[in-house]
Protein backbone atom coordinates (compact mmCIF):
# COMPACT_ATOMS: atom_id res chain seq x y z
CA MET A 1 0.14 0.21 0.12
CA ALA A 2 1.34 4.16 -1.20
CA ASP A 3 2.62 5.82 1.95
CA THR A 4 -0.59 7.91 2.20
CA ASN A 5 1.48 10.54 3.98
CA ASN A 6 3.74 11.47 1.66
CA LEU A 7 1.14 12.41 -0.83
CA ASP A 8 0.22 15.96 -1.92
CA TRP A 9 -3.90 15.28 -1.72
CA ALA A 10 -4.76 18.87 -2.46
CA ARG A 11 -2.36 18.61 -5.42
CA LEU A 12 -3.70 15.30 -6.89
CA SER A 13 -6.17 15.30 -10.15
CA ALA A 14 -8.71 12.51 -11.12
CA PRO A 15 -7.02 10.23 -13.35
CA SER A 16 -7.28 11.47 -17.01
CA LEU A 17 -8.69 8.88 -19.25
CA THR A 18 -4.88 8.55 -20.50
CA ASP A 19 -4.01 7.81 -17.31
CA MET A 20 -6.49 5.08 -16.65
CA GLU A 21 -5.37 3.51 -20.16
CA ALA A 22 -1.96 3.14 -18.44
CA LEU A 23 -3.75 1.67 -15.72
CA ALA A 24 -5.38 -0.86 -17.88
CA ASP A 25 -2.06 -1.81 -20.19
CA ALA A 26 -0.15 -2.16 -17.29
CA ALA A 27 -2.83 -4.81 -15.54
CA PHE A 28 -3.04 -6.72 -19.31
CA ALA A 29 0.80 -6.93 -18.88
CA SER A 30 0.66 -8.35 -15.56
CA LEU A 31 -2.09 -11.23 -16.72
CA PRO A 32 -0.60 -14.73 -17.42
CA GLU A 33 1.20 -14.90 -21.50
CA LYS A 34 -0.97 -17.38 -22.24
CA PHE A 35 -4.17 -15.33 -21.93
CA ARG A 36 -2.56 -12.07 -23.13
CA ARG A 37 -2.13 -14.68 -26.37
CA LEU A 38 -5.56 -15.20 -26.58
CA CYS A 39 -6.38 -12.07 -26.63
CA GLU A 40 -5.21 -11.18 -30.21
CA GLY A 41 -6.97 -8.91 -31.95
CA VAL A 42 -9.47 -7.42 -28.84
CA VAL A 43 -9.58 -3.87 -29.04
CA PHE A 44 -9.69 -2.07 -25.66
CA ARG A 45 -10.92 1.62 -25.15
CA VAL A 46 -11.70 3.72 -22.17
CA GLU A 47 -14.29 5.66 -22.70
CA ASP A 48 -16.20 8.43 -19.68
CA PHE A 49 -19.28 6.55 -19.65
CA PRO A 50 -21.00 4.22 -21.47
CA ASP A 51 -23.12 5.44 -24.78
CA GLU A 52 -26.95 5.95 -24.10
CA GLU A 53 -26.88 2.92 -26.59
CA THR A 54 -25.34 0.48 -24.45
CA LEU A 55 -27.00 1.80 -21.28
CA GLU A 56 -30.43 1.59 -22.49
CA ALA A 57 -29.30 -2.21 -23.68
CA MET A 58 -27.82 -3.08 -20.69
CA ALA A 59 -30.95 -1.82 -18.94
CA CYS A 60 -28.64 0.56 -16.47
CA GLU A 61 -30.47 2.93 -14.26
CA THR A 62 -27.51 5.66 -14.23
CA GLU A 63 -24.47 5.96 -16.40
CA PHE A 64 -22.61 4.69 -13.25
CA ASP A 65 -24.17 1.24 -13.56
CA LEU A 66 -21.45 -0.24 -15.95
CA LEU A 67 -17.96 -0.35 -15.14
CA GLY A 68 -16.65 -2.52 -18.29
CA LEU A 69 -18.23 -4.26 -21.34
CA PHE A 70 -17.11 -6.98 -23.37
CA ARG A 71 -18.85 -6.78 -26.76
CA GLY A 72 -17.77 -8.98 -29.72
CA ARG A 73 -17.98 -12.82 -30.58
CA GLY A 74 -16.44 -14.45 -28.10
CA LEU A 75 -13.94 -17.37 -28.62
CA ILE A 76 -16.65 -20.22 -27.01
CA GLU A 77 -19.05 -18.46 -29.95
CA GLY A 78 -16.27 -19.49 -32.62
CA GLU A 79 -15.13 -15.95 -32.92
CA HIS A 80 -14.24 -14.77 -36.52
CA LEU A 81 -13.91 -11.64 -37.86
CA SER A 82 -13.93 -12.85 -41.60
CA GLU A 83 -17.78 -12.33 -41.80
CA THR A 84 -18.25 -9.05 -44.01
CA GLY A 85 -18.67 -6.22 -41.95
CA ALA A 86 -17.98 -7.60 -38.57
CA GLU A 87 -16.86 -5.45 -35.24
CA PRO A 88 -13.53 -6.79 -33.50
CA ASN A 89 -13.88 -7.74 -30.56
CA MET A 90 -13.62 -4.73 -27.83
CA VAL A 91 -13.67 -4.27 -24.42
CA TRP A 92 -14.33 -1.33 -22.37
CA LEU A 93 -13.70 0.17 -19.49
CA TYR A 94 -15.77 3.57 -18.30
CA ARG A 95 -13.55 5.99 -16.33
CA ARG A 96 -15.93 7.67 -13.93
CA PRO A 97 -17.59 4.46 -12.92
CA ILE A 98 -14.58 2.79 -12.05
CA LEU A 99 -13.35 5.83 -10.11
CA ASP A 100 -16.72 6.00 -8.16
CA PHE A 101 -16.51 2.75 -7.31
CA TRP A 102 -12.70 2.95 -6.47
CA SER A 103 -13.92 5.96 -4.06
CA GLU A 104 -15.80 3.48 -2.13
CA SER A 105 -13.83 0.49 -2.33
CA GLU A 106 -10.61 -0.42 0.03
CA ASP A 107 -8.92 -1.54 -3.24
CA THR A 108 -6.32 0.30 -5.15
CA LEU A 109 -7.30 1.97 -8.35
CA GLY A 110 -4.88 -0.25 -10.16
CA ASP A 111 -6.64 -3.43 -8.53
CA VAL A 112 -9.88 -2.32 -9.80
CA VAL A 113 -9.01 -1.72 -13.40
CA ALA A 114 -7.50 -5.05 -13.24
CA HIS A 115 -10.93 -6.55 -11.84
CA VAL A 116 -12.98 -4.85 -14.22
CA LEU A 117 -10.35 -5.97 -17.38
CA ILE A 118 -10.37 -9.80 -16.23
CA HIS A 119 -13.97 -9.98 -15.92
CA GLU A 120 -14.70 -8.07 -18.96
CA ILE A 121 -11.95 -10.38 -20.87
CA GLY A 122 -13.59 -13.58 -19.07
CA HIS A 123 -16.47 -13.25 -20.85
CA HIS A 124 -14.54 -13.11 -24.23
CA PHE A 125 -13.05 -16.56 -23.08
CA GLY A 126 -16.47 -17.54 -21.46
CA LEU A 127 -14.51 -18.30 -18.14
CA SER A 128 -16.35 -19.00 -14.64
CA ASP A 129 -16.15 -16.77 -11.68
CA ALA A 130 -13.69 -18.77 -10.17
CA ASP A 131 -11.68 -18.74 -12.76
CA MET A 132 -11.53 -15.27 -13.26
CA GLU A 133 -10.84 -14.74 -9.28
CA GLN A 134 -7.84 -17.15 -10.00
CA ILE A 135 -6.59 -15.39 -13.09
CA GLU A 136 -6.73 -12.57 -10.79
CA SER A 137 -5.11 -13.33 -8.13
CA ASP A 138 -2.08 -14.32 -10.18
CA ALA A 139 -2.52 -11.22 -11.82
CA GLY A 140 -2.15 -9.33 -8.69
CA ALA A 141 0.81 -11.36 -7.23
CA ARG A 142 2.50 -10.58 -10.51
CA ARG A 143 1.90 -6.55 -10.34
CA GLU A 144 3.12 -6.76 -6.46
CA GLY A 145 6.32 -8.87 -7.33
């Protein structure tokens, strides 16, 4: 855990989209190599909030209800981009809802971003919650080590 006595909280600003992308990149880099190789071709995006269409499709009550989203054809569905006009598989992380969730959490922001990223990628693979928890645990050990 960071030494909060040395942080000048009065001078800190909220992480930008670029900062969140860097956290997501670091979280992705901490994932097992086999897992990362399987993600080839998946596009990662960080946005402040989901768009209105997504909020409606996911039956969200507020724009803060969705931390991330996988959209595309997962590996269990036979992912193939050879179809004409097929969109690439994408994972979105939503900065403001993640920051809101983090403010109520005892986890680090990096851990929250990693959690959301792993769970959204997990949808691509059709993994169980137990599988994702194990990957998250392994990735956390890599980030700390």
